[in-house]
N, C-alpha and C. Protein backbone atom coordinates (compact mmCIF):
# COMPACT_ATOMS: atom_id res chain seq x y z
N UNK A 1 0.82 -1.19 0.00
CA UNK A 1 0.00 0.00 0.00
C UNK A 1 0.87 1.26 0.00
N UNK A 2 2.03 1.17 0.66
CA UNK A 2 2.93 2.32 0.66
C UNK A 2 3.42 2.62 -0.74
N UNK A 3 3.65 1.56 -1.53
CA UNK A 3 4.09 1.77 -2.90
C UNK A 3 3.02 2.50 -3.71
N UNK A 4 1.77 2.09 -3.55
CA UNK A 4 0.68 2.74 -4.29
C UNK A 4 0.53 4.20 -3.86
N UNK A 5 0.65 4.46 -2.57
CA UNK A 5 0.54 5.84 -2.09
C UNK A 5 1.71 6.71 -2.52
N UNK A 6 2.85 6.09 -2.82
CA UNK A 6 4.01 6.88 -3.24
C UNK A 6 3.93 7.28 -4.72
N UNK A 7 3.00 6.68 -5.47
CA UNK A 7 2.87 7.00 -6.89
C UNK A 7 2.19 8.36 -7.08
N UNK A 8 2.46 8.96 -8.22
CA UNK A 8 1.78 10.22 -8.54
C UNK A 8 0.35 9.90 -9.00
N UNK A 9 -0.45 10.94 -9.12
CA UNK A 9 -1.86 10.76 -9.44
C UNK A 9 -2.04 10.09 -10.80
N UNK A 10 -1.25 10.48 -11.79
CA UNK A 10 -1.43 9.87 -13.12
C UNK A 10 -1.07 8.40 -13.11
N UNK A 11 -0.05 8.01 -12.34
CA UNK A 11 0.28 6.58 -12.26
C UNK A 11 -0.78 5.81 -11.48
N UNK A 12 -1.36 6.44 -10.46
CA UNK A 12 -2.44 5.78 -9.72
C UNK A 12 -3.63 5.53 -10.64
N UNK A 13 -3.94 6.51 -11.49
CA UNK A 13 -5.06 6.34 -12.42
C UNK A 13 -4.75 5.21 -13.42
N UNK A 14 -3.51 5.12 -13.88
CA UNK A 14 -3.13 4.05 -14.79
C UNK A 14 -3.25 2.68 -14.12
N UNK A 15 -2.83 2.58 -12.86
CA UNK A 15 -2.92 1.31 -12.14
C UNK A 15 -4.37 0.90 -11.97
N UNK A 16 -5.22 1.85 -11.62
CA UNK A 16 -6.65 1.53 -11.47
C UNK A 16 -7.26 1.14 -12.82
N UNK A 17 -6.86 1.82 -13.89
CA UNK A 17 -7.35 1.48 -15.22
C UNK A 17 -6.91 0.10 -15.65
N UNK A 18 -5.67 -0.25 -15.35
CA UNK A 18 -5.16 -1.58 -15.69
C UNK A 18 -5.93 -2.65 -14.92
N UNK A 19 -6.14 -2.41 -13.63
CA UNK A 19 -6.88 -3.38 -12.82
C UNK A 19 -8.32 -3.52 -13.33
N UNK A 20 -8.93 -2.40 -13.72
CA UNK A 20 -10.30 -2.46 -14.26
C UNK A 20 -10.36 -3.24 -15.56
N UNK A 21 -9.38 -3.03 -16.43
CA UNK A 21 -9.35 -3.78 -17.70
C UNK A 21 -9.16 -5.27 -17.48
N UNK A 22 -8.33 -5.61 -16.51
CA UNK A 22 -8.12 -7.03 -16.20
C UNK A 22 -9.42 -7.66 -15.72
N UNK A 23 -10.12 -6.97 -14.82
CA UNK A 23 -11.39 -7.51 -14.32
C UNK A 23 -12.43 -7.61 -15.42
N UNK A 24 -12.52 -6.59 -16.27
CA UNK A 24 -13.48 -6.63 -17.36
C UNK A 24 -13.16 -7.74 -18.35
N UNK A 25 -11.87 -7.93 -18.63
CA UNK A 25 -11.49 -8.99 -19.56
C UNK A 25 -11.76 -10.37 -18.98
N UNK A 26 -11.58 -10.52 -17.68
CA UNK A 26 -11.81 -11.82 -17.06
C UNK A 26 -13.29 -12.19 -16.99
N UNK A 27 -14.13 -11.21 -16.69
CA UNK A 27 -15.53 -11.51 -16.46
C UNK A 27 -16.44 -11.15 -17.64
N UNK A 28 -15.87 -10.76 -18.76
CA UNK A 28 -16.68 -10.46 -19.93
C UNK A 28 -17.07 -11.77 -20.60
N UNK A 29 -18.31 -11.84 -21.03
CA UNK A 29 -18.78 -13.07 -21.66
C UNK A 29 -18.63 -13.04 -23.18
N UNK A 30 -18.28 -11.92 -23.72
CA UNK A 30 -18.20 -11.75 -25.15
C UNK A 30 -16.74 -11.79 -25.59
N UNK A 31 -16.43 -12.64 -26.58
CA UNK A 31 -15.04 -12.80 -27.03
C UNK A 31 -14.52 -11.51 -27.67
N UNK A 32 -15.37 -10.78 -28.41
CA UNK A 32 -14.95 -9.56 -29.08
C UNK A 32 -14.62 -8.46 -28.06
N UNK A 33 -15.42 -8.33 -27.02
CA UNK A 33 -15.14 -7.31 -26.02
C UNK A 33 -13.92 -7.69 -25.18
N UNK A 34 -13.70 -8.99 -24.98
CA UNK A 34 -12.48 -9.41 -24.29
C UNK A 34 -11.25 -8.97 -25.06
N UNK A 35 -11.30 -9.09 -26.37
CA UNK A 35 -10.18 -8.67 -27.22
C UNK A 35 -9.93 -7.16 -27.08
N UNK A 36 -11.00 -6.37 -27.06
CA UNK A 36 -10.86 -4.92 -26.88
C UNK A 36 -10.25 -4.58 -25.53
N UNK A 37 -10.73 -5.25 -24.49
CA UNK A 37 -10.19 -5.00 -23.15
C UNK A 37 -8.71 -5.36 -23.08
N UNK A 38 -8.32 -6.40 -23.74
CA UNK A 38 -6.90 -6.79 -23.73
C UNK A 38 -6.05 -5.77 -24.49
N UNK A 39 -6.59 -5.21 -25.57
CA UNK A 39 -5.85 -4.18 -26.31
C UNK A 39 -5.71 -2.93 -25.44
N UNK A 40 -6.78 -2.53 -24.77
CA UNK A 40 -6.73 -1.37 -23.89
C UNK A 40 -5.77 -1.64 -22.72
N UNK A 41 -5.80 -2.86 -22.20
CA UNK A 41 -4.89 -3.24 -21.12
C UNK A 41 -3.44 -3.13 -21.58
N UNK A 42 -3.14 -3.57 -22.79
CA UNK A 42 -1.78 -3.49 -23.31
C UNK A 42 -1.33 -2.03 -23.46
N UNK A 43 -2.22 -1.20 -23.97
CA UNK A 43 -1.87 0.22 -24.13
C UNK A 43 -1.66 0.89 -22.78
N UNK A 44 -2.55 0.63 -21.82
CA UNK A 44 -2.40 1.21 -20.49
C UNK A 44 -1.14 0.71 -19.80
N UNK A 45 -0.82 -0.56 -19.97
CA UNK A 45 0.39 -1.10 -19.35
C UNK A 45 1.64 -0.46 -19.95
N UNK A 46 1.65 -0.31 -21.27
CA UNK A 46 2.79 0.34 -21.91
C UNK A 46 2.94 1.78 -21.45
N UNK A 47 1.83 2.49 -21.33
CA UNK A 47 1.87 3.88 -20.86
C UNK A 47 2.35 3.92 -19.40
N UNK A 48 1.91 2.99 -18.59
CA UNK A 48 2.33 2.94 -17.19
C UNK A 48 3.81 2.66 -17.04
N UNK A 49 4.31 1.71 -17.81
CA UNK A 49 5.74 1.39 -17.75
C UNK A 49 6.57 2.58 -18.22
N UNK A 50 6.16 3.19 -19.31
CA UNK A 50 6.89 4.35 -19.83
C UNK A 50 6.88 5.49 -18.81
N UNK A 51 5.72 5.77 -18.25
CA UNK A 51 5.59 6.89 -17.30
C UNK A 51 6.37 6.60 -16.03
N UNK A 52 6.36 5.35 -15.57
CA UNK A 52 7.06 4.99 -14.35
C UNK A 52 8.57 5.12 -14.54
N UNK A 53 9.09 4.70 -15.68
CA UNK A 53 10.53 4.81 -15.91
C UNK A 53 10.94 6.26 -16.11
N UNK A 54 10.11 7.08 -16.73
CA UNK A 54 10.43 8.48 -16.91
C UNK A 54 10.33 9.25 -15.61
N UNK A 55 9.43 8.84 -14.75
CA UNK A 55 9.19 9.55 -13.50
C UNK A 55 10.33 9.36 -12.52
N UNK A 56 10.97 8.21 -12.50
CA UNK A 56 12.01 7.94 -11.52
C UNK A 56 13.18 8.91 -11.67
N UNK A 57 13.62 9.21 -12.86
CA UNK A 57 14.73 10.12 -13.05
C UNK A 57 14.39 11.53 -12.61
N UNK A 58 13.20 11.97 -12.93
CA UNK A 58 12.77 13.32 -12.55
C UNK A 58 12.55 13.39 -11.05
N UNK A 59 12.00 12.33 -10.48
CA UNK A 59 11.69 12.32 -9.06
C UNK A 59 12.97 12.44 -8.23
N UNK A 60 14.02 11.72 -8.62
CA UNK A 60 15.27 11.80 -7.87
C UNK A 60 15.86 13.19 -7.95
N UNK A 61 15.80 13.81 -9.12
CA UNK A 61 16.34 15.16 -9.27
C UNK A 61 15.54 16.16 -8.45
N UNK A 62 14.23 16.03 -8.46
CA UNK A 62 13.39 16.94 -7.69
C UNK A 62 13.60 16.72 -6.19
N UNK A 63 13.75 15.48 -5.80
CA UNK A 63 13.92 15.19 -4.38
C UNK A 63 15.24 15.78 -3.89
N UNK A 64 16.33 15.63 -4.67
CA UNK A 64 17.61 16.17 -4.23
C UNK A 64 17.59 17.70 -4.23
N UNK A 65 16.83 18.30 -5.15
CA UNK A 65 16.73 19.76 -5.17
C UNK A 65 15.87 20.27 -4.03
N UNK A 66 14.91 19.49 -3.59
CA UNK A 66 14.00 19.93 -2.54
C UNK A 66 14.60 19.78 -1.15
N UNK A 67 15.59 18.91 -1.01
CA UNK A 67 16.18 18.71 0.31
C UNK A 67 17.11 19.88 0.61
N UNK A 68 16.81 20.56 1.67
CA UNK A 68 17.61 21.70 2.08
C UNK A 68 18.48 21.29 3.26
N UNK A 69 19.67 21.84 3.36
CA UNK A 69 20.49 21.52 4.54
C UNK A 69 19.84 22.08 5.79
N UNK A 70 20.05 21.37 6.89
CA UNK A 70 19.46 21.81 8.15
C UNK A 70 20.12 23.11 8.59
N UNK A 71 19.32 24.07 9.06
CA UNK A 71 19.91 25.34 9.51
C UNK A 71 20.73 25.12 10.78
N UNK A 72 21.73 25.96 10.96
CA UNK A 72 22.54 25.88 12.18
C UNK A 72 21.66 26.21 13.38
N UNK A 73 21.98 25.57 14.49
CA UNK A 73 21.21 25.81 15.70
C UNK A 73 21.45 27.23 16.18
N UNK A 74 20.38 27.87 16.60
CA UNK A 74 20.49 29.24 17.11
C UNK A 74 21.20 29.21 18.46
N UNK A 75 22.04 30.20 18.73
CA UNK A 75 22.72 30.22 20.03
C UNK A 75 21.71 30.42 21.16
N UNK A 76 22.02 29.82 22.27
CA UNK A 76 21.13 29.91 23.43
C UNK A 76 21.26 31.31 24.01
N UNK A 77 20.15 32.03 24.18
CA UNK A 77 20.25 33.39 24.73
C UNK A 77 20.68 33.35 26.19
N UNK A 78 21.32 34.41 26.62
CA UNK A 78 21.77 34.50 28.02
C UNK A 78 20.56 34.53 28.94
N UNK A 79 20.76 34.00 30.15
CA UNK A 79 19.65 33.98 31.10
C UNK A 79 19.35 35.40 31.56
N UNK A 80 18.10 35.72 31.61
CA UNK A 80 17.68 37.03 32.07
C UNK A 80 17.46 37.00 33.59
N UNK A 81 17.63 38.16 34.17
CA UNK A 81 17.38 38.29 35.60
C UNK A 81 15.88 38.17 35.80
N UNK A 82 15.43 37.37 36.77
CA UNK A 82 13.99 37.23 37.00
C UNK A 82 13.36 38.56 37.40
N UNK A 83 12.12 38.69 37.07
CA UNK A 83 11.38 39.92 37.40
C UNK A 83 11.15 39.98 38.91
N UNK A 84 11.27 41.18 39.42
CA UNK A 84 11.07 41.39 40.86
C UNK A 84 9.90 42.34 41.03
N UNK A 85 9.05 42.01 41.96
CA UNK A 85 7.87 42.83 42.17
C UNK A 85 8.28 44.17 42.79
N UNK A 86 7.72 45.26 42.28
CA UNK A 86 8.01 46.57 42.82
C UNK A 86 6.94 47.04 43.79
N UNK A 87 5.90 46.29 43.91
CA UNK A 87 4.82 46.70 44.81
C UNK A 87 5.20 46.48 46.27
N UNK A 88 6.17 45.66 46.57
CA UNK A 88 6.56 45.40 47.95
C UNK A 88 7.48 46.50 48.48
N UNK A 89 8.01 47.34 47.62
CA UNK A 89 8.96 48.36 48.08
C UNK A 89 8.27 49.53 48.70
């Protein structure tokens, strides 16, 4: 599930489309429609493989560009003298 959540929206749509075509091809009673579903499945699979391989190179470059070095820790401020009530004077 982590793998599916790590995909971009277009790849998620392709995965769902591929799964839908597989189910339609398996449970279709008509030989002609099964052939159409298999053709659509092949096209969607090819698009998914192409998009997945193209996305990995861009994703690594974007990830390395997005990672910023951690800022240096701010120096600890000097302790302040506690407040003293002036109403007792």
